[in-house]
Amino acid sequence: MIPLEKIIVLNKVPLFSMLKTEDIHMISTIASEEAYEDGHVLFKEGDVGDKLFIVVSGKVMILKEQSGEQKHLATLKENDFLGELALFDAETRTATAMCDGPCTFLVIERNDMEQLAHEYPAIAFGFIKVLISRMRGMINK
C-alpha cells in the first residue's frame, strides 16, 4: 500500500476523525500493512495488547469466552478498528479477534505511537477526545 492509500484509509476511520490532515499523515508513516487468511487469530482474550488494527478489507469476529464457550460479540468490517486501548496501556485484551475470511489491516504498534505522541502531543490529545466521545456514547445508550 502506497503512503497516499494509507492516508485515504486513515481518513475514513472514526478514531482519527478529530485529527488534522498533517497528524493523519504522521500516523500513516508508522502504520504497516498486514494480511491474514480466514480463521487467523489476531489476538486472544487475556493476551497483552500492543497493536491497533484498522480493517482495510474483510471481516473480523470479536469473541468473548463465557461459561467455557466463545460468544460472538460483534463483527467488524472495513474502516472499523480494534485494539485501540493497547496504544495507551499494556493491559490484557478483553476479547478474542479472529478473521472471518481473508483480511487486510493497517497496524500501528504501541511503541511507535508512544514515540509519535511524544513528538506531536496534538495527536495524543486527538485520540483522547475520540475515545472520550466513544465512552460517552456507550454510557448514554
Protein backbone atom coordinates (compact mmCIF):
# COMPACT_ATOMS: atom_id res chain seq x y z
CA MET A 1 0.00 0.00 0.00
CA ILE A 2 1.47 3.34 -1.02
CA PRO A 3 1.55 6.23 1.52
CA LEU A 4 -1.36 8.07 -0.11
CA GLU A 5 -3.54 4.95 0.15
CA LYS A 6 -2.76 4.71 3.87
CA ILE A 7 -3.82 8.35 4.35
CA ILE A 8 -7.07 7.73 2.46
CA VAL A 9 -7.84 4.69 4.65
CA LEU A 10 -6.99 6.52 7.90
CA ASN A 11 -9.21 9.46 6.92
CA LYS A 12 -12.22 7.09 6.84
CA VAL A 13 -11.60 5.68 10.34
CA PRO A 14 -13.70 7.24 13.13
CA LEU A 15 -10.77 7.01 15.58
CA PHE A 16 -8.95 9.65 13.55
CA SER A 17 -11.97 11.88 12.87
CA MET A 18 -10.79 14.73 15.12
CA LEU A 19 -7.22 14.78 13.84
CA LYS A 20 -5.78 17.24 11.37
CA THR A 21 -4.61 16.08 7.95
CA GLU A 22 -0.95 16.56 8.90
CA ASP A 23 -1.47 14.39 12.01
CA ILE A 24 -3.03 11.63 9.91
CA HIS A 25 -0.06 11.88 7.56
CA MET A 26 2.31 11.35 10.51
CA ILE A 27 0.30 8.33 11.66
CA SER A 28 0.43 6.87 8.15
CA THR A 29 4.23 6.75 8.41
CA ILE A 30 4.07 4.31 11.34
CA ALA A 31 1.21 2.16 10.03
CA SER A 32 2.19 -1.12 8.38
CA GLU A 33 0.03 -3.29 6.15
CA GLU A 34 -0.67 -6.89 7.22
CA ALA A 35 -2.82 -9.54 5.55
CA TYR A 36 -4.22 -12.74 7.07
CA GLU A 37 -6.27 -15.70 5.94
CA ASP A 38 -9.65 -16.92 7.19
CA GLY A 39 -9.53 -18.16 10.78
CA HIS A 40 -6.34 -16.31 11.75
CA VAL A 41 -6.49 -15.14 15.37
CA LEU A 42 -5.21 -11.56 15.68
CA PHE A 43 -5.18 -11.81 19.45
CA LYS A 44 -6.77 -13.86 22.22
CA GLU A 45 -8.64 -12.71 25.27
CA GLY A 46 -6.02 -12.31 28.00
CA ASP A 47 -3.10 -11.51 25.66
CA VAL A 48 -1.18 -8.34 26.41
CA GLY A 49 -2.20 -5.70 23.87
CA ASP A 50 0.46 -3.90 21.86
CA LYS A 51 -1.19 -3.12 18.49
CA LEU A 52 -4.12 -1.25 16.99
CA PHE A 53 -5.71 -2.91 13.94
CA ILE A 54 -7.61 -0.96 11.29
CA VAL A 55 -9.70 -3.12 8.97
CA VAL A 56 -8.88 -2.23 5.36
CA SER A 57 -10.79 -5.18 3.90
CA GLY A 58 -12.53 -8.27 5.22
CA LYS A 59 -14.39 -9.01 8.44
CA VAL A 60 -13.23 -9.67 11.99
CA MET A 61 -15.25 -11.53 14.60
CA ILE A 62 -14.97 -10.38 18.20
CA LEU A 63 -15.47 -13.29 20.59
CA LYS A 64 -15.67 -13.50 24.39
CA GLU A 65 -15.39 -16.65 26.45
CA GLN A 66 -18.43 -17.23 28.65
CA SER A 67 -19.12 -20.48 30.50
CA GLY A 68 -16.41 -22.26 28.53
CA GLU A 69 -17.82 -21.26 25.13
CA GLN A 70 -16.96 -18.49 22.66
CA LYS A 71 -19.79 -15.96 22.44
CA HIS A 72 -19.93 -13.77 19.34
CA LEU A 73 -20.00 -10.10 20.41
CA ALA A 74 -19.55 -8.23 17.15
CA THR A 75 -18.35 -8.37 13.57
CA LEU A 76 -16.08 -5.56 12.42
CA LYS A 77 -15.66 -4.57 8.79
CA GLU A 78 -13.89 -2.06 6.56
CA ASN A 79 -12.88 1.18 8.35
CA ASP A 80 -13.57 -0.31 11.79
CA PHE A 81 -10.74 -0.58 14.29
CA LEU A 82 -9.87 -2.79 17.22
CA GLY A 83 -7.28 -2.81 19.94
CA GLU A 84 -7.19 0.98 20.34
CA LEU A 85 -6.70 0.81 24.10
CA ALA A 86 -3.46 -1.09 23.50
CA LEU A 87 -1.96 2.15 22.22
CA PHE A 88 -2.18 3.62 25.71
CA ASP A 89 -1.65 0.76 28.14
CA ALA A 90 -0.18 -2.71 28.35
CA GLU A 91 -3.29 -4.32 29.79
CA THR A 92 -4.70 -7.62 28.58
CA ARG A 93 -7.15 -7.98 25.71
CA THR A 94 -10.77 -8.19 26.79
CA ALA A 95 -11.87 -10.41 23.88
CA THR A 96 -10.54 -12.55 21.04
CA ALA A 97 -10.36 -11.23 17.48
CA MET A 98 -10.44 -13.68 14.55
CA CYS A 99 -10.51 -13.12 10.80
CA ASP A 100 -13.75 -14.16 9.13
CA GLY A 101 -12.36 -14.67 5.64
CA PRO A 102 -9.23 -13.05 4.20
CA CYS A 103 -8.45 -9.69 5.82
CA THR A 104 -6.09 -6.78 5.30
CA PHE A 105 -5.19 -4.34 8.07
CA LEU A 106 -3.21 -1.25 8.81
CA VAL A 107 -1.40 -1.96 12.07
CA ILE A 108 0.04 0.57 14.49
CA GLU A 109 2.34 -0.64 17.27
CA ARG A 110 2.16 0.92 20.73
CA ASN A 111 5.88 1.77 20.86
CA ASP A 112 5.67 3.65 17.56
CA MET A 113 2.54 5.50 18.67
CA GLU A 114 4.10 6.46 22.01
CA GLN A 115 7.11 7.94 20.25
CA LEU A 116 4.91 9.84 17.79
CA ALA A 117 2.67 11.14 20.60
CA HIS A 118 5.71 12.44 22.48
CA GLU A 119 6.89 14.30 19.39
CA TYR A 120 3.39 15.50 18.41
CA PRO A 121 1.18 15.85 21.53
CA ALA A 122 -1.78 17.05 19.43
CA ILE A 123 -2.09 13.51 18.06
CA ALA A 124 -2.42 12.02 21.55
CA PHE A 125 -4.91 14.73 22.53
CA GLY A 126 -6.97 14.00 19.39
CA PHE A 127 -7.11 10.31 20.27
CA ILE A 128 -8.18 11.09 23.82
CA LYS A 129 -11.05 13.26 22.56
CA VAL A 130 -12.30 10.48 20.28
CA LEU A 131 -12.04 7.82 22.98
CA ILE A 132 -13.91 10.02 25.47
CA SER A 133 -16.61 10.63 22.87
CA ARG A 134 -16.97 6.86 22.35
CA MET A 135 -17.19 6.27 26.11
CA ARG A 136 -19.89 8.92 26.47
CA GLY A 137 -21.81 7.30 23.63
CA MET A 138 -21.69 3.92 25.41
CA ILE A 139 -22.83 5.44 28.70
CA ASN A 140 -25.72 7.31 27.11
CA LYS A 141 -27.12 4.24 25.30
